[in-house]
Amino acid sequence: VYKEEITLETPSPNQNQIAIVFSN
């Protein structure tokens, strides 16, 4: 069984950052 380890990251306060979001 092969599985990704999920870690939660603290959002960056930088308002100019481009958010990359993957849904799959």
mmCIF file of all heavy atoms, coordinates in Angstrom:
data_MODEL
# 
_entry.id   MODEL 
# 
loop_
_atom_site.group_PDB 
_atom_site.id 
_atom_site.type_symbol 
_atom_site.label_atom_id 
_atom_site.label_alt_id 
_atom_site.label_comp_id 
_atom_site.label_asym_id 
_atom_site.label_entity_id 
_atom_site.label_seq_id 
_atom_site.pdbx_PDB_ins_code 
_atom_site.Cartn_x 
_atom_site.Cartn_y 
_atom_site.Cartn_z 
_atom_site.occupancy 
_atom_site.B_iso_or_equiv 
_atom_site.pdbx_formal_charge 
_atom_site.auth_seq_id 
_atom_site.auth_comp_id 
_atom_site.auth_asym_id 
_atom_site.auth_atom_id 
_atom_site.pdbx_PDB_model_num 
ATOM 1   N N   . VAL A 1 1  ? 0.867  -1.175 0.000   1.00 0.00 ? 1  VAL A N   1 
ATOM 2   C CA  . VAL A 1 1  ? 0.000  0.000  0.000   1.00 0.00 ? 1  VAL A CA  1 
ATOM 3   C C   . VAL A 1 1  ? 0.906  1.228  0.000   1.00 0.00 ? 1  VAL A C   1 
ATOM 4   O O   . VAL A 1 1  ? 1.801  1.358  0.842   1.00 0.00 ? 1  VAL A O   1 
ATOM 5   C CB  . VAL A 1 1  ? -0.938 0.018  1.226   1.00 0.00 ? 1  VAL A CB  1 
ATOM 6   C CG1 . VAL A 1 1  ? -1.642 1.372  1.336   1.00 0.00 ? 1  VAL A CG1 1 
ATOM 7   C CG2 . VAL A 1 1  ? -1.984 -1.079 1.116   1.00 0.00 ? 1  VAL A CG2 1 
ATOM 8   N N   . TYR A 1 2  ? 0.664  2.102  -0.959  1.00 0.00 ? 2  TYR A N   1 
ATOM 9   C CA  . TYR A 1 2  ? 1.481  3.300  -1.156  1.00 0.00 ? 2  TYR A CA  1 
ATOM 10  C C   . TYR A 1 2  ? 0.577  4.518  -0.963  1.00 0.00 ? 2  TYR A C   1 
ATOM 11  O O   . TYR A 1 2  ? -0.455 4.638  -1.622  1.00 0.00 ? 2  TYR A O   1 
ATOM 12  C CB  . TYR A 1 2  ? 2.059  3.278  -2.569  1.00 0.00 ? 2  TYR A CB  1 
ATOM 13  C CG  . TYR A 1 2  ? 2.945  4.439  -2.949  1.00 0.00 ? 2  TYR A CG  1 
ATOM 14  C CD1 . TYR A 1 2  ? 4.246  4.533  -2.469  1.00 0.00 ? 2  TYR A CD1 1 
ATOM 15  C CD2 . TYR A 1 2  ? 2.498  5.416  -3.841  1.00 0.00 ? 2  TYR A CD2 1 
ATOM 16  C CE1 . TYR A 1 2  ? 5.075  5.584  -2.854  1.00 0.00 ? 2  TYR A CE1 1 
ATOM 17  C CE2 . TYR A 1 2  ? 3.320  6.460  -4.235  1.00 0.00 ? 2  TYR A CE2 1 
ATOM 18  C CZ  . TYR A 1 2  ? 4.604  6.537  -3.745  1.00 0.00 ? 2  TYR A CZ  1 
ATOM 19  O OH  . TYR A 1 2  ? 5.425  7.584  -4.129  1.00 0.00 ? 2  TYR A OH  1 
ATOM 20  N N   . LYS A 1 3  ? 0.956  5.411  -0.041  1.00 0.00 ? 3  LYS A N   1 
ATOM 21  C CA  . LYS A 1 3  ? 0.078  6.527  0.305   1.00 0.00 ? 3  LYS A CA  1 
ATOM 22  C C   . LYS A 1 3  ? 0.885  7.772  0.610   1.00 0.00 ? 3  LYS A C   1 
ATOM 23  O O   . LYS A 1 3  ? 1.965  7.695  1.198   1.00 0.00 ? 3  LYS A O   1 
ATOM 24  C CB  . LYS A 1 3  ? -0.787 6.146  1.514   1.00 0.00 ? 3  LYS A CB  1 
ATOM 25  C CG  . LYS A 1 3  ? -1.889 7.135  1.849   1.00 0.00 ? 3  LYS A CG  1 
ATOM 26  C CD  . LYS A 1 3  ? -2.748 6.601  2.971   1.00 0.00 ? 3  LYS A CD  1 
ATOM 27  C CE  . LYS A 1 3  ? -3.835 7.597  3.385   1.00 0.00 ? 3  LYS A CE  1 
ATOM 28  N NZ  . LYS A 1 3  ? -4.803 7.883  2.324   1.00 0.00 ? 3  LYS A NZ  1 
ATOM 29  N N   . GLU A 1 4  ? 0.350  8.897  0.200   1.00 0.00 ? 4  GLU A N   1 
ATOM 30  C CA  . GLU A 1 4  ? 0.999  10.172 0.484   1.00 0.00 ? 4  GLU A CA  1 
ATOM 31  C C   . GLU A 1 4  ? 0.798  10.562 1.935   1.00 0.00 ? 4  GLU A C   1 
ATOM 32  O O   . GLU A 1 4  ? -0.294 10.382 2.494   1.00 0.00 ? 4  GLU A O   1 
ATOM 33  C CB  . GLU A 1 4  ? 0.440  11.268 -0.429  1.00 0.00 ? 4  GLU A CB  1 
ATOM 34  C CG  . GLU A 1 4  ? 1.091  12.628 -0.202  1.00 0.00 ? 4  GLU A CG  1 
ATOM 35  C CD  . GLU A 1 4  ? 0.435  13.744 -0.991  1.00 0.00 ? 4  GLU A CD  1 
ATOM 36  O OE1 . GLU A 1 4  ? -0.362 13.444 -1.908  1.00 0.00 ? 4  GLU A OE1 1 
ATOM 37  O OE2 . GLU A 1 4  ? 0.698  14.917 -0.674  1.00 0.00 ? 4  GLU A OE2 1 
ATOM 38  N N   . GLU A 1 5  ? 1.851  11.079 2.557   1.00 0.00 ? 5  GLU A N   1 
ATOM 39  C CA  . GLU A 1 5  ? 1.742  11.644 3.907   1.00 0.00 ? 5  GLU A CA  1 
ATOM 40  C C   . GLU A 1 5  ? 1.248  13.080 3.780   1.00 0.00 ? 5  GLU A C   1 
ATOM 41  O O   . GLU A 1 5  ? 1.900  13.907 3.141   1.00 0.00 ? 5  GLU A O   1 
ATOM 42  C CB  . GLU A 1 5  ? 3.096  11.638 4.610   1.00 0.00 ? 5  GLU A CB  1 
ATOM 43  C CG  . GLU A 1 5  ? 3.532  10.294 5.131   1.00 0.00 ? 5  GLU A CG  1 
ATOM 44  C CD  . GLU A 1 5  ? 4.766  10.434 6.004   1.00 0.00 ? 5  GLU A CD  1 
ATOM 45  O OE1 . GLU A 1 5  ? 5.860  10.667 5.462   1.00 0.00 ? 5  GLU A OE1 1 
ATOM 46  O OE2 . GLU A 1 5  ? 4.638  10.306 7.227   1.00 0.00 ? 5  GLU A OE2 1 
ATOM 47  N N   . ILE A 1 6  ? 0.095  13.373 4.353   1.00 0.00 ? 6  ILE A N   1 
ATOM 48  C CA  . ILE A 1 6  ? -0.488 14.712 4.255   1.00 0.00 ? 6  ILE A CA  1 
ATOM 49  C C   . ILE A 1 6  ? -0.055 15.556 5.442   1.00 0.00 ? 6  ILE A C   1 
ATOM 50  O O   . ILE A 1 6  ? -0.199 15.149 6.593   1.00 0.00 ? 6  ILE A O   1 
ATOM 51  C CB  . ILE A 1 6  ? -2.030 14.647 4.201   1.00 0.00 ? 6  ILE A CB  1 
ATOM 52  C CG1 . ILE A 1 6  ? -2.478 13.746 3.048   1.00 0.00 ? 6  ILE A CG1 1 
ATOM 53  C CG2 . ILE A 1 6  ? -2.631 16.032 4.063   1.00 0.00 ? 6  ILE A CG2 1 
ATOM 54  C CD1 . ILE A 1 6  ? -2.035 14.215 1.683   1.00 0.00 ? 6  ILE A CD1 1 
ATOM 55  N N   . THR A 1 7  ? 0.487  16.741 5.146   1.00 0.00 ? 7  THR A N   1 
ATOM 56  C CA  . THR A 1 7  ? 0.872  17.678 6.201   1.00 0.00 ? 7  THR A CA  1 
ATOM 57  C C   . THR A 1 7  ? 0.137  18.990 5.979   1.00 0.00 ? 7  THR A C   1 
ATOM 58  O O   . THR A 1 7  ? -0.024 19.453 4.846   1.00 0.00 ? 7  THR A O   1 
ATOM 59  C CB  . THR A 1 7  ? 2.389  17.937 6.198   1.00 0.00 ? 7  THR A CB  1 
ATOM 60  O OG1 . THR A 1 7  ? 2.794  18.395 4.891   1.00 0.00 ? 7  THR A OG1 1 
ATOM 61  C CG2 . THR A 1 7  ? 3.159  16.676 6.533   1.00 0.00 ? 7  THR A CG2 1 
ATOM 62  N N   . LEU A 1 8  ? -0.317 19.598 7.061   1.00 0.00 ? 8  LEU A N   1 
ATOM 63  C CA  . LEU A 1 8  ? -1.014 20.885 6.978   1.00 0.00 ? 8  LEU A CA  1 
ATOM 64  C C   . LEU A 1 8  ? -0.016 22.015 7.133   1.00 0.00 ? 8  LEU A C   1 
ATOM 65  O O   . LEU A 1 8  ? 0.779  22.044 8.080   1.00 0.00 ? 8  LEU A O   1 
ATOM 66  C CB  . LEU A 1 8  ? -2.083 20.977 8.070   1.00 0.00 ? 8  LEU A CB  1 
ATOM 67  C CG  . LEU A 1 8  ? -3.209 19.930 7.997   1.00 0.00 ? 8  LEU A CG  1 
ATOM 68  C CD1 . LEU A 1 8  ? -4.145 20.089 9.191   1.00 0.00 ? 8  LEU A CD1 1 
ATOM 69  C CD2 . LEU A 1 8  ? -3.991 20.071 6.694   1.00 0.00 ? 8  LEU A CD2 1 
ATOM 70  N N   . GLU A 1 9  ? -0.057 22.963 6.183   1.00 0.00 ? 9  GLU A N   1 
ATOM 71  C CA  . GLU A 1 9  ? 0.866  24.091 6.222   1.00 0.00 ? 9  GLU A CA  1 
ATOM 72  C C   . GLU A 1 9  ? 0.147  25.352 6.674   1.00 0.00 ? 9  GLU A C   1 
ATOM 73  O O   . GLU A 1 9  ? -1.031 25.568 6.370   1.00 0.00 ? 9  GLU A O   1 
ATOM 74  C CB  . GLU A 1 9  ? 1.489  24.321 4.838   1.00 0.00 ? 9  GLU A CB  1 
ATOM 75  C CG  . GLU A 1 9  ? 2.382  23.167 4.382   1.00 0.00 ? 9  GLU A CG  1 
ATOM 76  C CD  . GLU A 1 9  ? 3.061  23.493 3.064   1.00 0.00 ? 9  GLU A CD  1 
ATOM 77  O OE1 . GLU A 1 9  ? 2.856  24.616 2.553   1.00 0.00 ? 9  GLU A OE1 1 
ATOM 78  O OE2 . GLU A 1 9  ? 3.783  22.628 2.551   1.00 0.00 ? 9  GLU A OE2 1 
ATOM 79  N N   . THR A 1 10 ? 0.874  26.207 7.390   1.00 0.00 ? 10 THR A N   1 
ATOM 80  C CA  . THR A 1 10 ? 0.322  27.491 7.811   1.00 0.00 ? 10 THR A CA  1 
ATOM 81  C C   . THR A 1 10 ? 0.287  28.441 6.624   1.00 0.00 ? 10 THR A C   1 
ATOM 82  O O   . THR A 1 10 ? 1.298  28.611 5.943   1.00 0.00 ? 10 THR A O   1 
ATOM 83  C CB  . THR A 1 10 ? 1.202  28.107 8.925   1.00 0.00 ? 10 THR A CB  1 
ATOM 84  O OG1 . THR A 1 10 ? 1.299  27.165 9.989   1.00 0.00 ? 10 THR A OG1 1 
ATOM 85  C CG2 . THR A 1 10 ? 0.581  29.411 9.426   1.00 0.00 ? 10 THR A CG2 1 
ATOM 86  N N   . PRO A 1 11 ? -0.872 29.065 6.330   1.00 0.00 ? 11 PRO A N   1 
ATOM 87  C CA  . PRO A 1 11 ? -0.966 29.987 5.193   1.00 0.00 ? 11 PRO A CA  1 
ATOM 88  C C   . PRO A 1 11 ? 0.024  31.140 5.319   1.00 0.00 ? 11 PRO A C   1 
ATOM 89  O O   . PRO A 1 11 ? 0.252  31.676 6.406   1.00 0.00 ? 11 PRO A O   1 
ATOM 90  C CB  . PRO A 1 11 ? -2.415 30.491 5.254   1.00 0.00 ? 11 PRO A CB  1 
ATOM 91  C CG  . PRO A 1 11 ? -3.142 29.457 6.063   1.00 0.00 ? 11 PRO A CG  1 
ATOM 92  C CD  . PRO A 1 11 ? -2.142 28.926 7.035   1.00 0.00 ? 11 PRO A CD  1 
ATOM 93  N N   . SER A 1 12 ? 0.603  31.541 4.191   1.00 0.00 ? 12 SER A N   1 
ATOM 94  C CA  . SER A 1 12 ? 1.552  32.641 4.191   1.00 0.00 ? 12 SER A CA  1 
ATOM 95  C C   . SER A 1 12 ? 0.823  33.977 4.274   1.00 0.00 ? 12 SER A C   1 
ATOM 96  O O   . SER A 1 12 ? -0.227 34.161 3.660   1.00 0.00 ? 12 SER A O   1 
ATOM 97  C CB  . SER A 1 12 ? 2.402  32.590 2.907   1.00 0.00 ? 12 SER A CB  1 
ATOM 98  O OG  . SER A 1 12 ? 3.183  33.754 2.802   1.00 0.00 ? 12 SER A OG  1 
ATOM 99  N N   . PRO A 1 13 ? 1.369  34.952 5.051   1.00 0.00 ? 13 PRO A N   1 
ATOM 100 C CA  . PRO A 1 13 ? 0.725  36.269 5.161   1.00 0.00 ? 13 PRO A CA  1 
ATOM 101 C C   . PRO A 1 13 ? 0.921  37.128 3.920   1.00 0.00 ? 13 PRO A C   1 
ATOM 102 O O   . PRO A 1 13 ? 0.358  38.195 3.815   1.00 0.00 ? 13 PRO A O   1 
ATOM 103 C CB  . PRO A 1 13 ? 1.424  36.887 6.389   1.00 0.00 ? 13 PRO A CB  1 
ATOM 104 C CG  . PRO A 1 13 ? 2.766  36.235 6.407   1.00 0.00 ? 13 PRO A CG  1 
ATOM 105 C CD  . PRO A 1 13 ? 2.543  34.835 5.917   1.00 0.00 ? 13 PRO A CD  1 
ATOM 106 N N   . ASN A 1 14 ? 1.734  36.681 2.967   1.00 0.00 ? 14 ASN A N   1 
ATOM 107 C CA  . ASN A 1 14 ? 2.030  37.450 1.765   1.00 0.00 ? 14 ASN A CA  1 
ATOM 108 C C   . ASN A 1 14 ? 0.788  37.520 0.870   1.00 0.00 ? 14 ASN A C   1 
ATOM 109 O O   . ASN A 1 14 ? 0.377  36.536 0.283   1.00 0.00 ? 14 ASN A O   1 
ATOM 110 C CB  . ASN A 1 14 ? 3.199  36.808 1.002   1.00 0.00 ? 14 ASN A CB  1 
ATOM 111 C CG  . ASN A 1 14 ? 3.623  37.655 -0.191  1.00 0.00 ? 14 ASN A CG  1 
ATOM 112 O OD1 . ASN A 1 14 ? 3.023  38.682 -0.491  1.00 0.00 ? 14 ASN A OD1 1 
ATOM 113 N ND2 . ASN A 1 14 ? 4.679  37.197 -0.858  1.00 0.00 ? 14 ASN A ND2 1 
ATOM 114 N N   . GLN A 1 15 ? 0.193  38.693 0.741   1.00 0.00 ? 15 GLN A N   1 
ATOM 115 C CA  . GLN A 1 15 ? -1.040 38.854 -0.018  1.00 0.00 ? 15 GLN A CA  1 
ATOM 116 C C   . GLN A 1 15 ? -0.818 38.764 -1.522  1.00 0.00 ? 15 GLN A C   1 
ATOM 117 O O   . GLN A 1 15 ? -1.771 38.570 -2.284  1.00 0.00 ? 15 GLN A O   1 
ATOM 118 C CB  . GLN A 1 15 ? -1.677 40.219 0.326   1.00 0.00 ? 15 GLN A CB  1 
ATOM 119 C CG  . GLN A 1 15 ? -2.076 40.346 1.781   1.00 0.00 ? 15 GLN A CG  1 
ATOM 120 C CD  . GLN A 1 15 ? -3.143 39.342 2.169   1.00 0.00 ? 15 GLN A CD  1 
ATOM 121 O OE1 . GLN A 1 15 ? -4.091 39.110 1.435   1.00 0.00 ? 15 GLN A OE1 1 
ATOM 122 N NE2 . GLN A 1 15 ? -2.984 38.734 3.348   1.00 0.00 ? 15 GLN A NE2 1 
ATOM 123 N N   . ASN A 1 16 ? 0.407  38.941 -1.968  1.00 0.00 ? 16 ASN A N   1 
ATOM 124 C CA  . ASN A 1 16 ? 0.696  38.935 -3.403  1.00 0.00 ? 16 ASN A CA  1 
ATOM 125 C C   . ASN A 1 16 ? 1.022  37.546 -3.931  1.00 0.00 ? 16 ASN A C   1 
ATOM 126 O O   . ASN A 1 16 ? 1.335  37.372 -5.099  1.00 0.00 ? 16 ASN A O   1 
ATOM 127 C CB  . ASN A 1 16 ? 1.870  39.880 -3.716  1.00 0.00 ? 16 ASN A CB  1 
ATOM 128 C CG  . ASN A 1 16 ? 1.519  41.316 -3.382  1.00 0.00 ? 16 ASN A CG  1 
ATOM 129 O OD1 . ASN A 1 16 ? 0.402  41.755 -3.642  1.00 0.00 ? 16 ASN A OD1 1 
ATOM 130 N ND2 . ASN A 1 16 ? 2.481  42.032 -2.801  1.00 0.00 ? 16 ASN A ND2 1 
ATOM 131 N N   . GLN A 1 17 ? 0.970  36.563 -3.047  1.00 0.00 ? 17 GLN A N   1 
ATOM 132 C CA  . GLN A 1 17 ? 1.320  35.209 -3.446  1.00 0.00 ? 17 GLN A CA  1 
ATOM 133 C C   . GLN A 1 17 ? 0.252  34.602 -4.340  1.00 0.00 ? 17 GLN A C   1 
ATOM 134 O O   . GLN A 1 17 ? -0.927 34.889 -4.202  1.00 0.00 ? 17 GLN A O   1 
ATOM 135 C CB  . GLN A 1 17 ? 1.484  34.323 -2.213  1.00 0.00 ? 17 GLN A CB  1 
ATOM 136 C CG  . GLN A 1 17 ? 2.766  33.521 -2.263  1.00 0.00 ? 17 GLN A CG  1 
ATOM 137 C CD  . GLN A 1 17 ? 2.956  32.723 -0.995  1.00 0.00 ? 17 GLN A CD  1 
ATOM 138 O OE1 . GLN A 1 17 ? 2.059  32.560 -0.187  1.00 0.00 ? 17 GLN A OE1 1 
ATOM 139 N NE2 . GLN A 1 17 ? 4.138  32.200 -0.818  1.00 0.00 ? 17 GLN A NE2 1 
ATOM 140 N N   . ILE A 1 18 ? 0.673  33.771 -5.290  1.00 0.00 ? 18 ILE A N   1 
ATOM 141 C CA  . ILE A 1 18 ? -0.255 33.056 -6.159  1.00 0.00 ? 18 ILE A CA  1 
ATOM 142 C C   . ILE A 1 18 ? -0.554 31.719 -5.519  1.00 0.00 ? 18 ILE A C   1 
ATOM 143 O O   . ILE A 1 18 ? 0.353  30.950 -5.193  1.00 0.00 ? 18 ILE A O   1 
ATOM 144 C CB  . ILE A 1 18 ? 0.361  32.842 -7.562  1.00 0.00 ? 18 ILE A CB  1 
ATOM 145 C CG1 . ILE A 1 18 ? 0.662  34.189 -8.199  1.00 0.00 ? 18 ILE A CG1 1 
ATOM 146 C CG2 . ILE A 1 18 ? -0.562 32.017 -8.441  1.00 0.00 ? 18 ILE A CG2 1 
ATOM 147 C CD1 . ILE A 1 18 ? 1.454  34.090 -9.469  1.00 0.00 ? 18 ILE A CD1 1 
ATOM 148 N N   . ALA A 1 19 ? -1.805 31.417 -5.320  1.00 0.00 ? 19 ALA A N   1 
ATOM 149 C CA  . ALA A 1 19 ? -2.193 30.161 -4.675  1.00 0.00 ? 19 ALA A CA  1 
ATOM 150 C C   . ALA A 1 19 ? -2.331 29.069 -5.712  1.00 0.00 ? 19 ALA A C   1 
ATOM 151 O O   . ALA A 1 19 ? -2.998 29.242 -6.728  1.00 0.00 ? 19 ALA A O   1 
ATOM 152 C CB  . ALA A 1 19 ? -3.506 30.341 -3.932  1.00 0.00 ? 19 ALA A CB  1 
ATOM 153 N N   . ILE A 1 20 ? -1.684 27.940 -5.463  1.00 0.00 ? 20 ILE A N   1 
ATOM 154 C CA  . ILE A 1 20 ? -1.788 26.774 -6.344  1.00 0.00 ? 20 ILE A CA  1 
ATOM 155 C C   . ILE A 1 20 ? -2.615 25.730 -5.617  1.00 0.00 ? 20 ILE A C   1 
ATOM 156 O O   . ILE A 1 20 ? -2.229 25.249 -4.556  1.00 0.00 ? 20 ILE A O   1 
ATOM 157 C CB  . ILE A 1 20 ? -0.395 26.204 -6.682  1.00 0.00 ? 20 ILE A CB  1 
ATOM 158 C CG1 . ILE A 1 20 ? 0.517  27.307 -7.234  1.00 0.00 ? 20 ILE A CG1 1 
ATOM 159 C CG2 . ILE A 1 20 ? -0.511 25.070 -7.676  1.00 0.00 ? 20 ILE A CG2 1 
ATOM 160 C CD1 . ILE A 1 20 ? 0.033  27.924 -8.516  1.00 0.00 ? 20 ILE A CD1 1 
ATOM 161 N N   . VAL A 1 21 ? -3.744 25.373 -6.172  1.00 0.00 ? 21 VAL A N   1 
ATOM 162 C CA  . VAL A 1 21 ? -4.642 24.418 -5.524  1.00 0.00 ? 21 VAL A CA  1 
ATOM 163 C C   . VAL A 1 21 ? -4.909 23.263 -6.473  1.00 0.00 ? 21 VAL A C   1 
ATOM 164 O O   . VAL A 1 21 ? -5.241 23.464 -7.632  1.00 0.00 ? 21 VAL A O   1 
ATOM 165 C CB  . VAL A 1 21 ? -5.985 25.099 -5.143  1.00 0.00 ? 21 VAL A CB  1 
ATOM 166 C CG1 . VAL A 1 21 ? -6.911 24.083 -4.487  1.00 0.00 ? 21 VAL A CG1 1 
ATOM 167 C CG2 . VAL A 1 21 ? -5.745 26.281 -4.217  1.00 0.00 ? 21 VAL A CG2 1 
ATOM 168 N N   . PHE A 1 22 ? -4.763 22.030 -5.972  1.00 0.00 ? 22 PHE A N   1 
ATOM 169 C CA  . PHE A 1 22 ? -5.044 20.842 -6.760  1.00 0.00 ? 22 PHE A CA  1 
ATOM 170 C C   . PHE A 1 22 ? -6.217 20.114 -6.130  1.00 0.00 ? 22 PHE A C   1 
ATOM 171 O O   . PHE A 1 22 ? -6.278 19.950 -4.925  1.00 0.00 ? 22 PHE A O   1 
ATOM 172 C CB  . PHE A 1 22 ? -3.823 19.910 -6.794  1.00 0.00 ? 22 PHE A CB  1 
ATOM 173 C CG  . PHE A 1 22 ? -2.631 20.551 -7.448  1.00 0.00 ? 22 PHE A CG  1 
ATOM 174 C CD1 . PHE A 1 22 ? -1.687 21.209 -6.682  1.00 0.00 ? 22 PHE A CD1 1 
ATOM 175 C CD2 . PHE A 1 22 ? -2.476 20.511 -8.809  1.00 0.00 ? 22 PHE A CD2 1 
ATOM 176 C CE1 . PHE A 1 22 ? -0.591 21.801 -7.275  1.00 0.00 ? 22 PHE A CE1 1 
ATOM 177 C CE2 . PHE A 1 22 ? -1.379 21.106 -9.409  1.00 0.00 ? 22 PHE A CE2 1 
ATOM 178 C CZ  . PHE A 1 22 ? -0.434 21.758 -8.642  1.00 0.00 ? 22 PHE A CZ  1 
ATOM 179 N N   . SER A 1 23 ? -7.124 19.667 -6.982  1.00 0.00 ? 23 SER A N   1 
ATOM 180 C CA  . SER A 1 23 ? -8.316 19.018 -6.451  1.00 0.00 ? 23 SER A CA  1 
ATOM 181 C C   . SER A 1 23 ? -8.288 17.515 -6.616  1.00 0.00 ? 23 SER A C   1 
ATOM 182 O O   . SER A 1 23 ? -9.227 16.839 -6.254  1.00 0.00 ? 23 SER A O   1 
ATOM 183 C CB  . SER A 1 23 ? -9.553 19.563 -7.167  1.00 0.00 ? 23 SER A CB  1 
ATOM 184 O OG  . SER A 1 23 ? -9.486 19.292 -8.551  1.00 0.00 ? 23 SER A OG  1 
ATOM 185 N N   . ASN A 1 24 ? -7.229 16.963 -7.194  1.00 0.00 ? 24 ASN A N   1 
ATOM 186 C CA  . ASN A 1 24 ? -7.189 15.511 -7.365  1.00 0.00 ? 24 ASN A CA  1 
ATOM 187 C C   . ASN A 1 24 ? -5.795 14.985 -7.048  1.00 0.00 ? 24 ASN A C   1 
ATOM 188 O O   . ASN A 1 24 ? -4.818 15.706 -7.139  1.00 0.00 ? 24 ASN A O   1 
ATOM 189 C CB  . ASN A 1 24 ? -7.560 15.113 -8.804  1.00 0.00 ? 24 ASN A CB  1 
ATOM 190 C CG  . ASN A 1 24 ? -6.571 15.628 -9.809  1.00 0.00 ? 24 ASN A CG  1 
ATOM 191 O OD1 . ASN A 1 24 ? -6.279 16.798 -9.853  1.00 0.00 ? 24 ASN A OD1 1 
ATOM 192 N ND2 . ASN A 1 24 ? -6.048 14.746 -10.626 1.00 0.00 ? 24 ASN A ND2 1 
# 
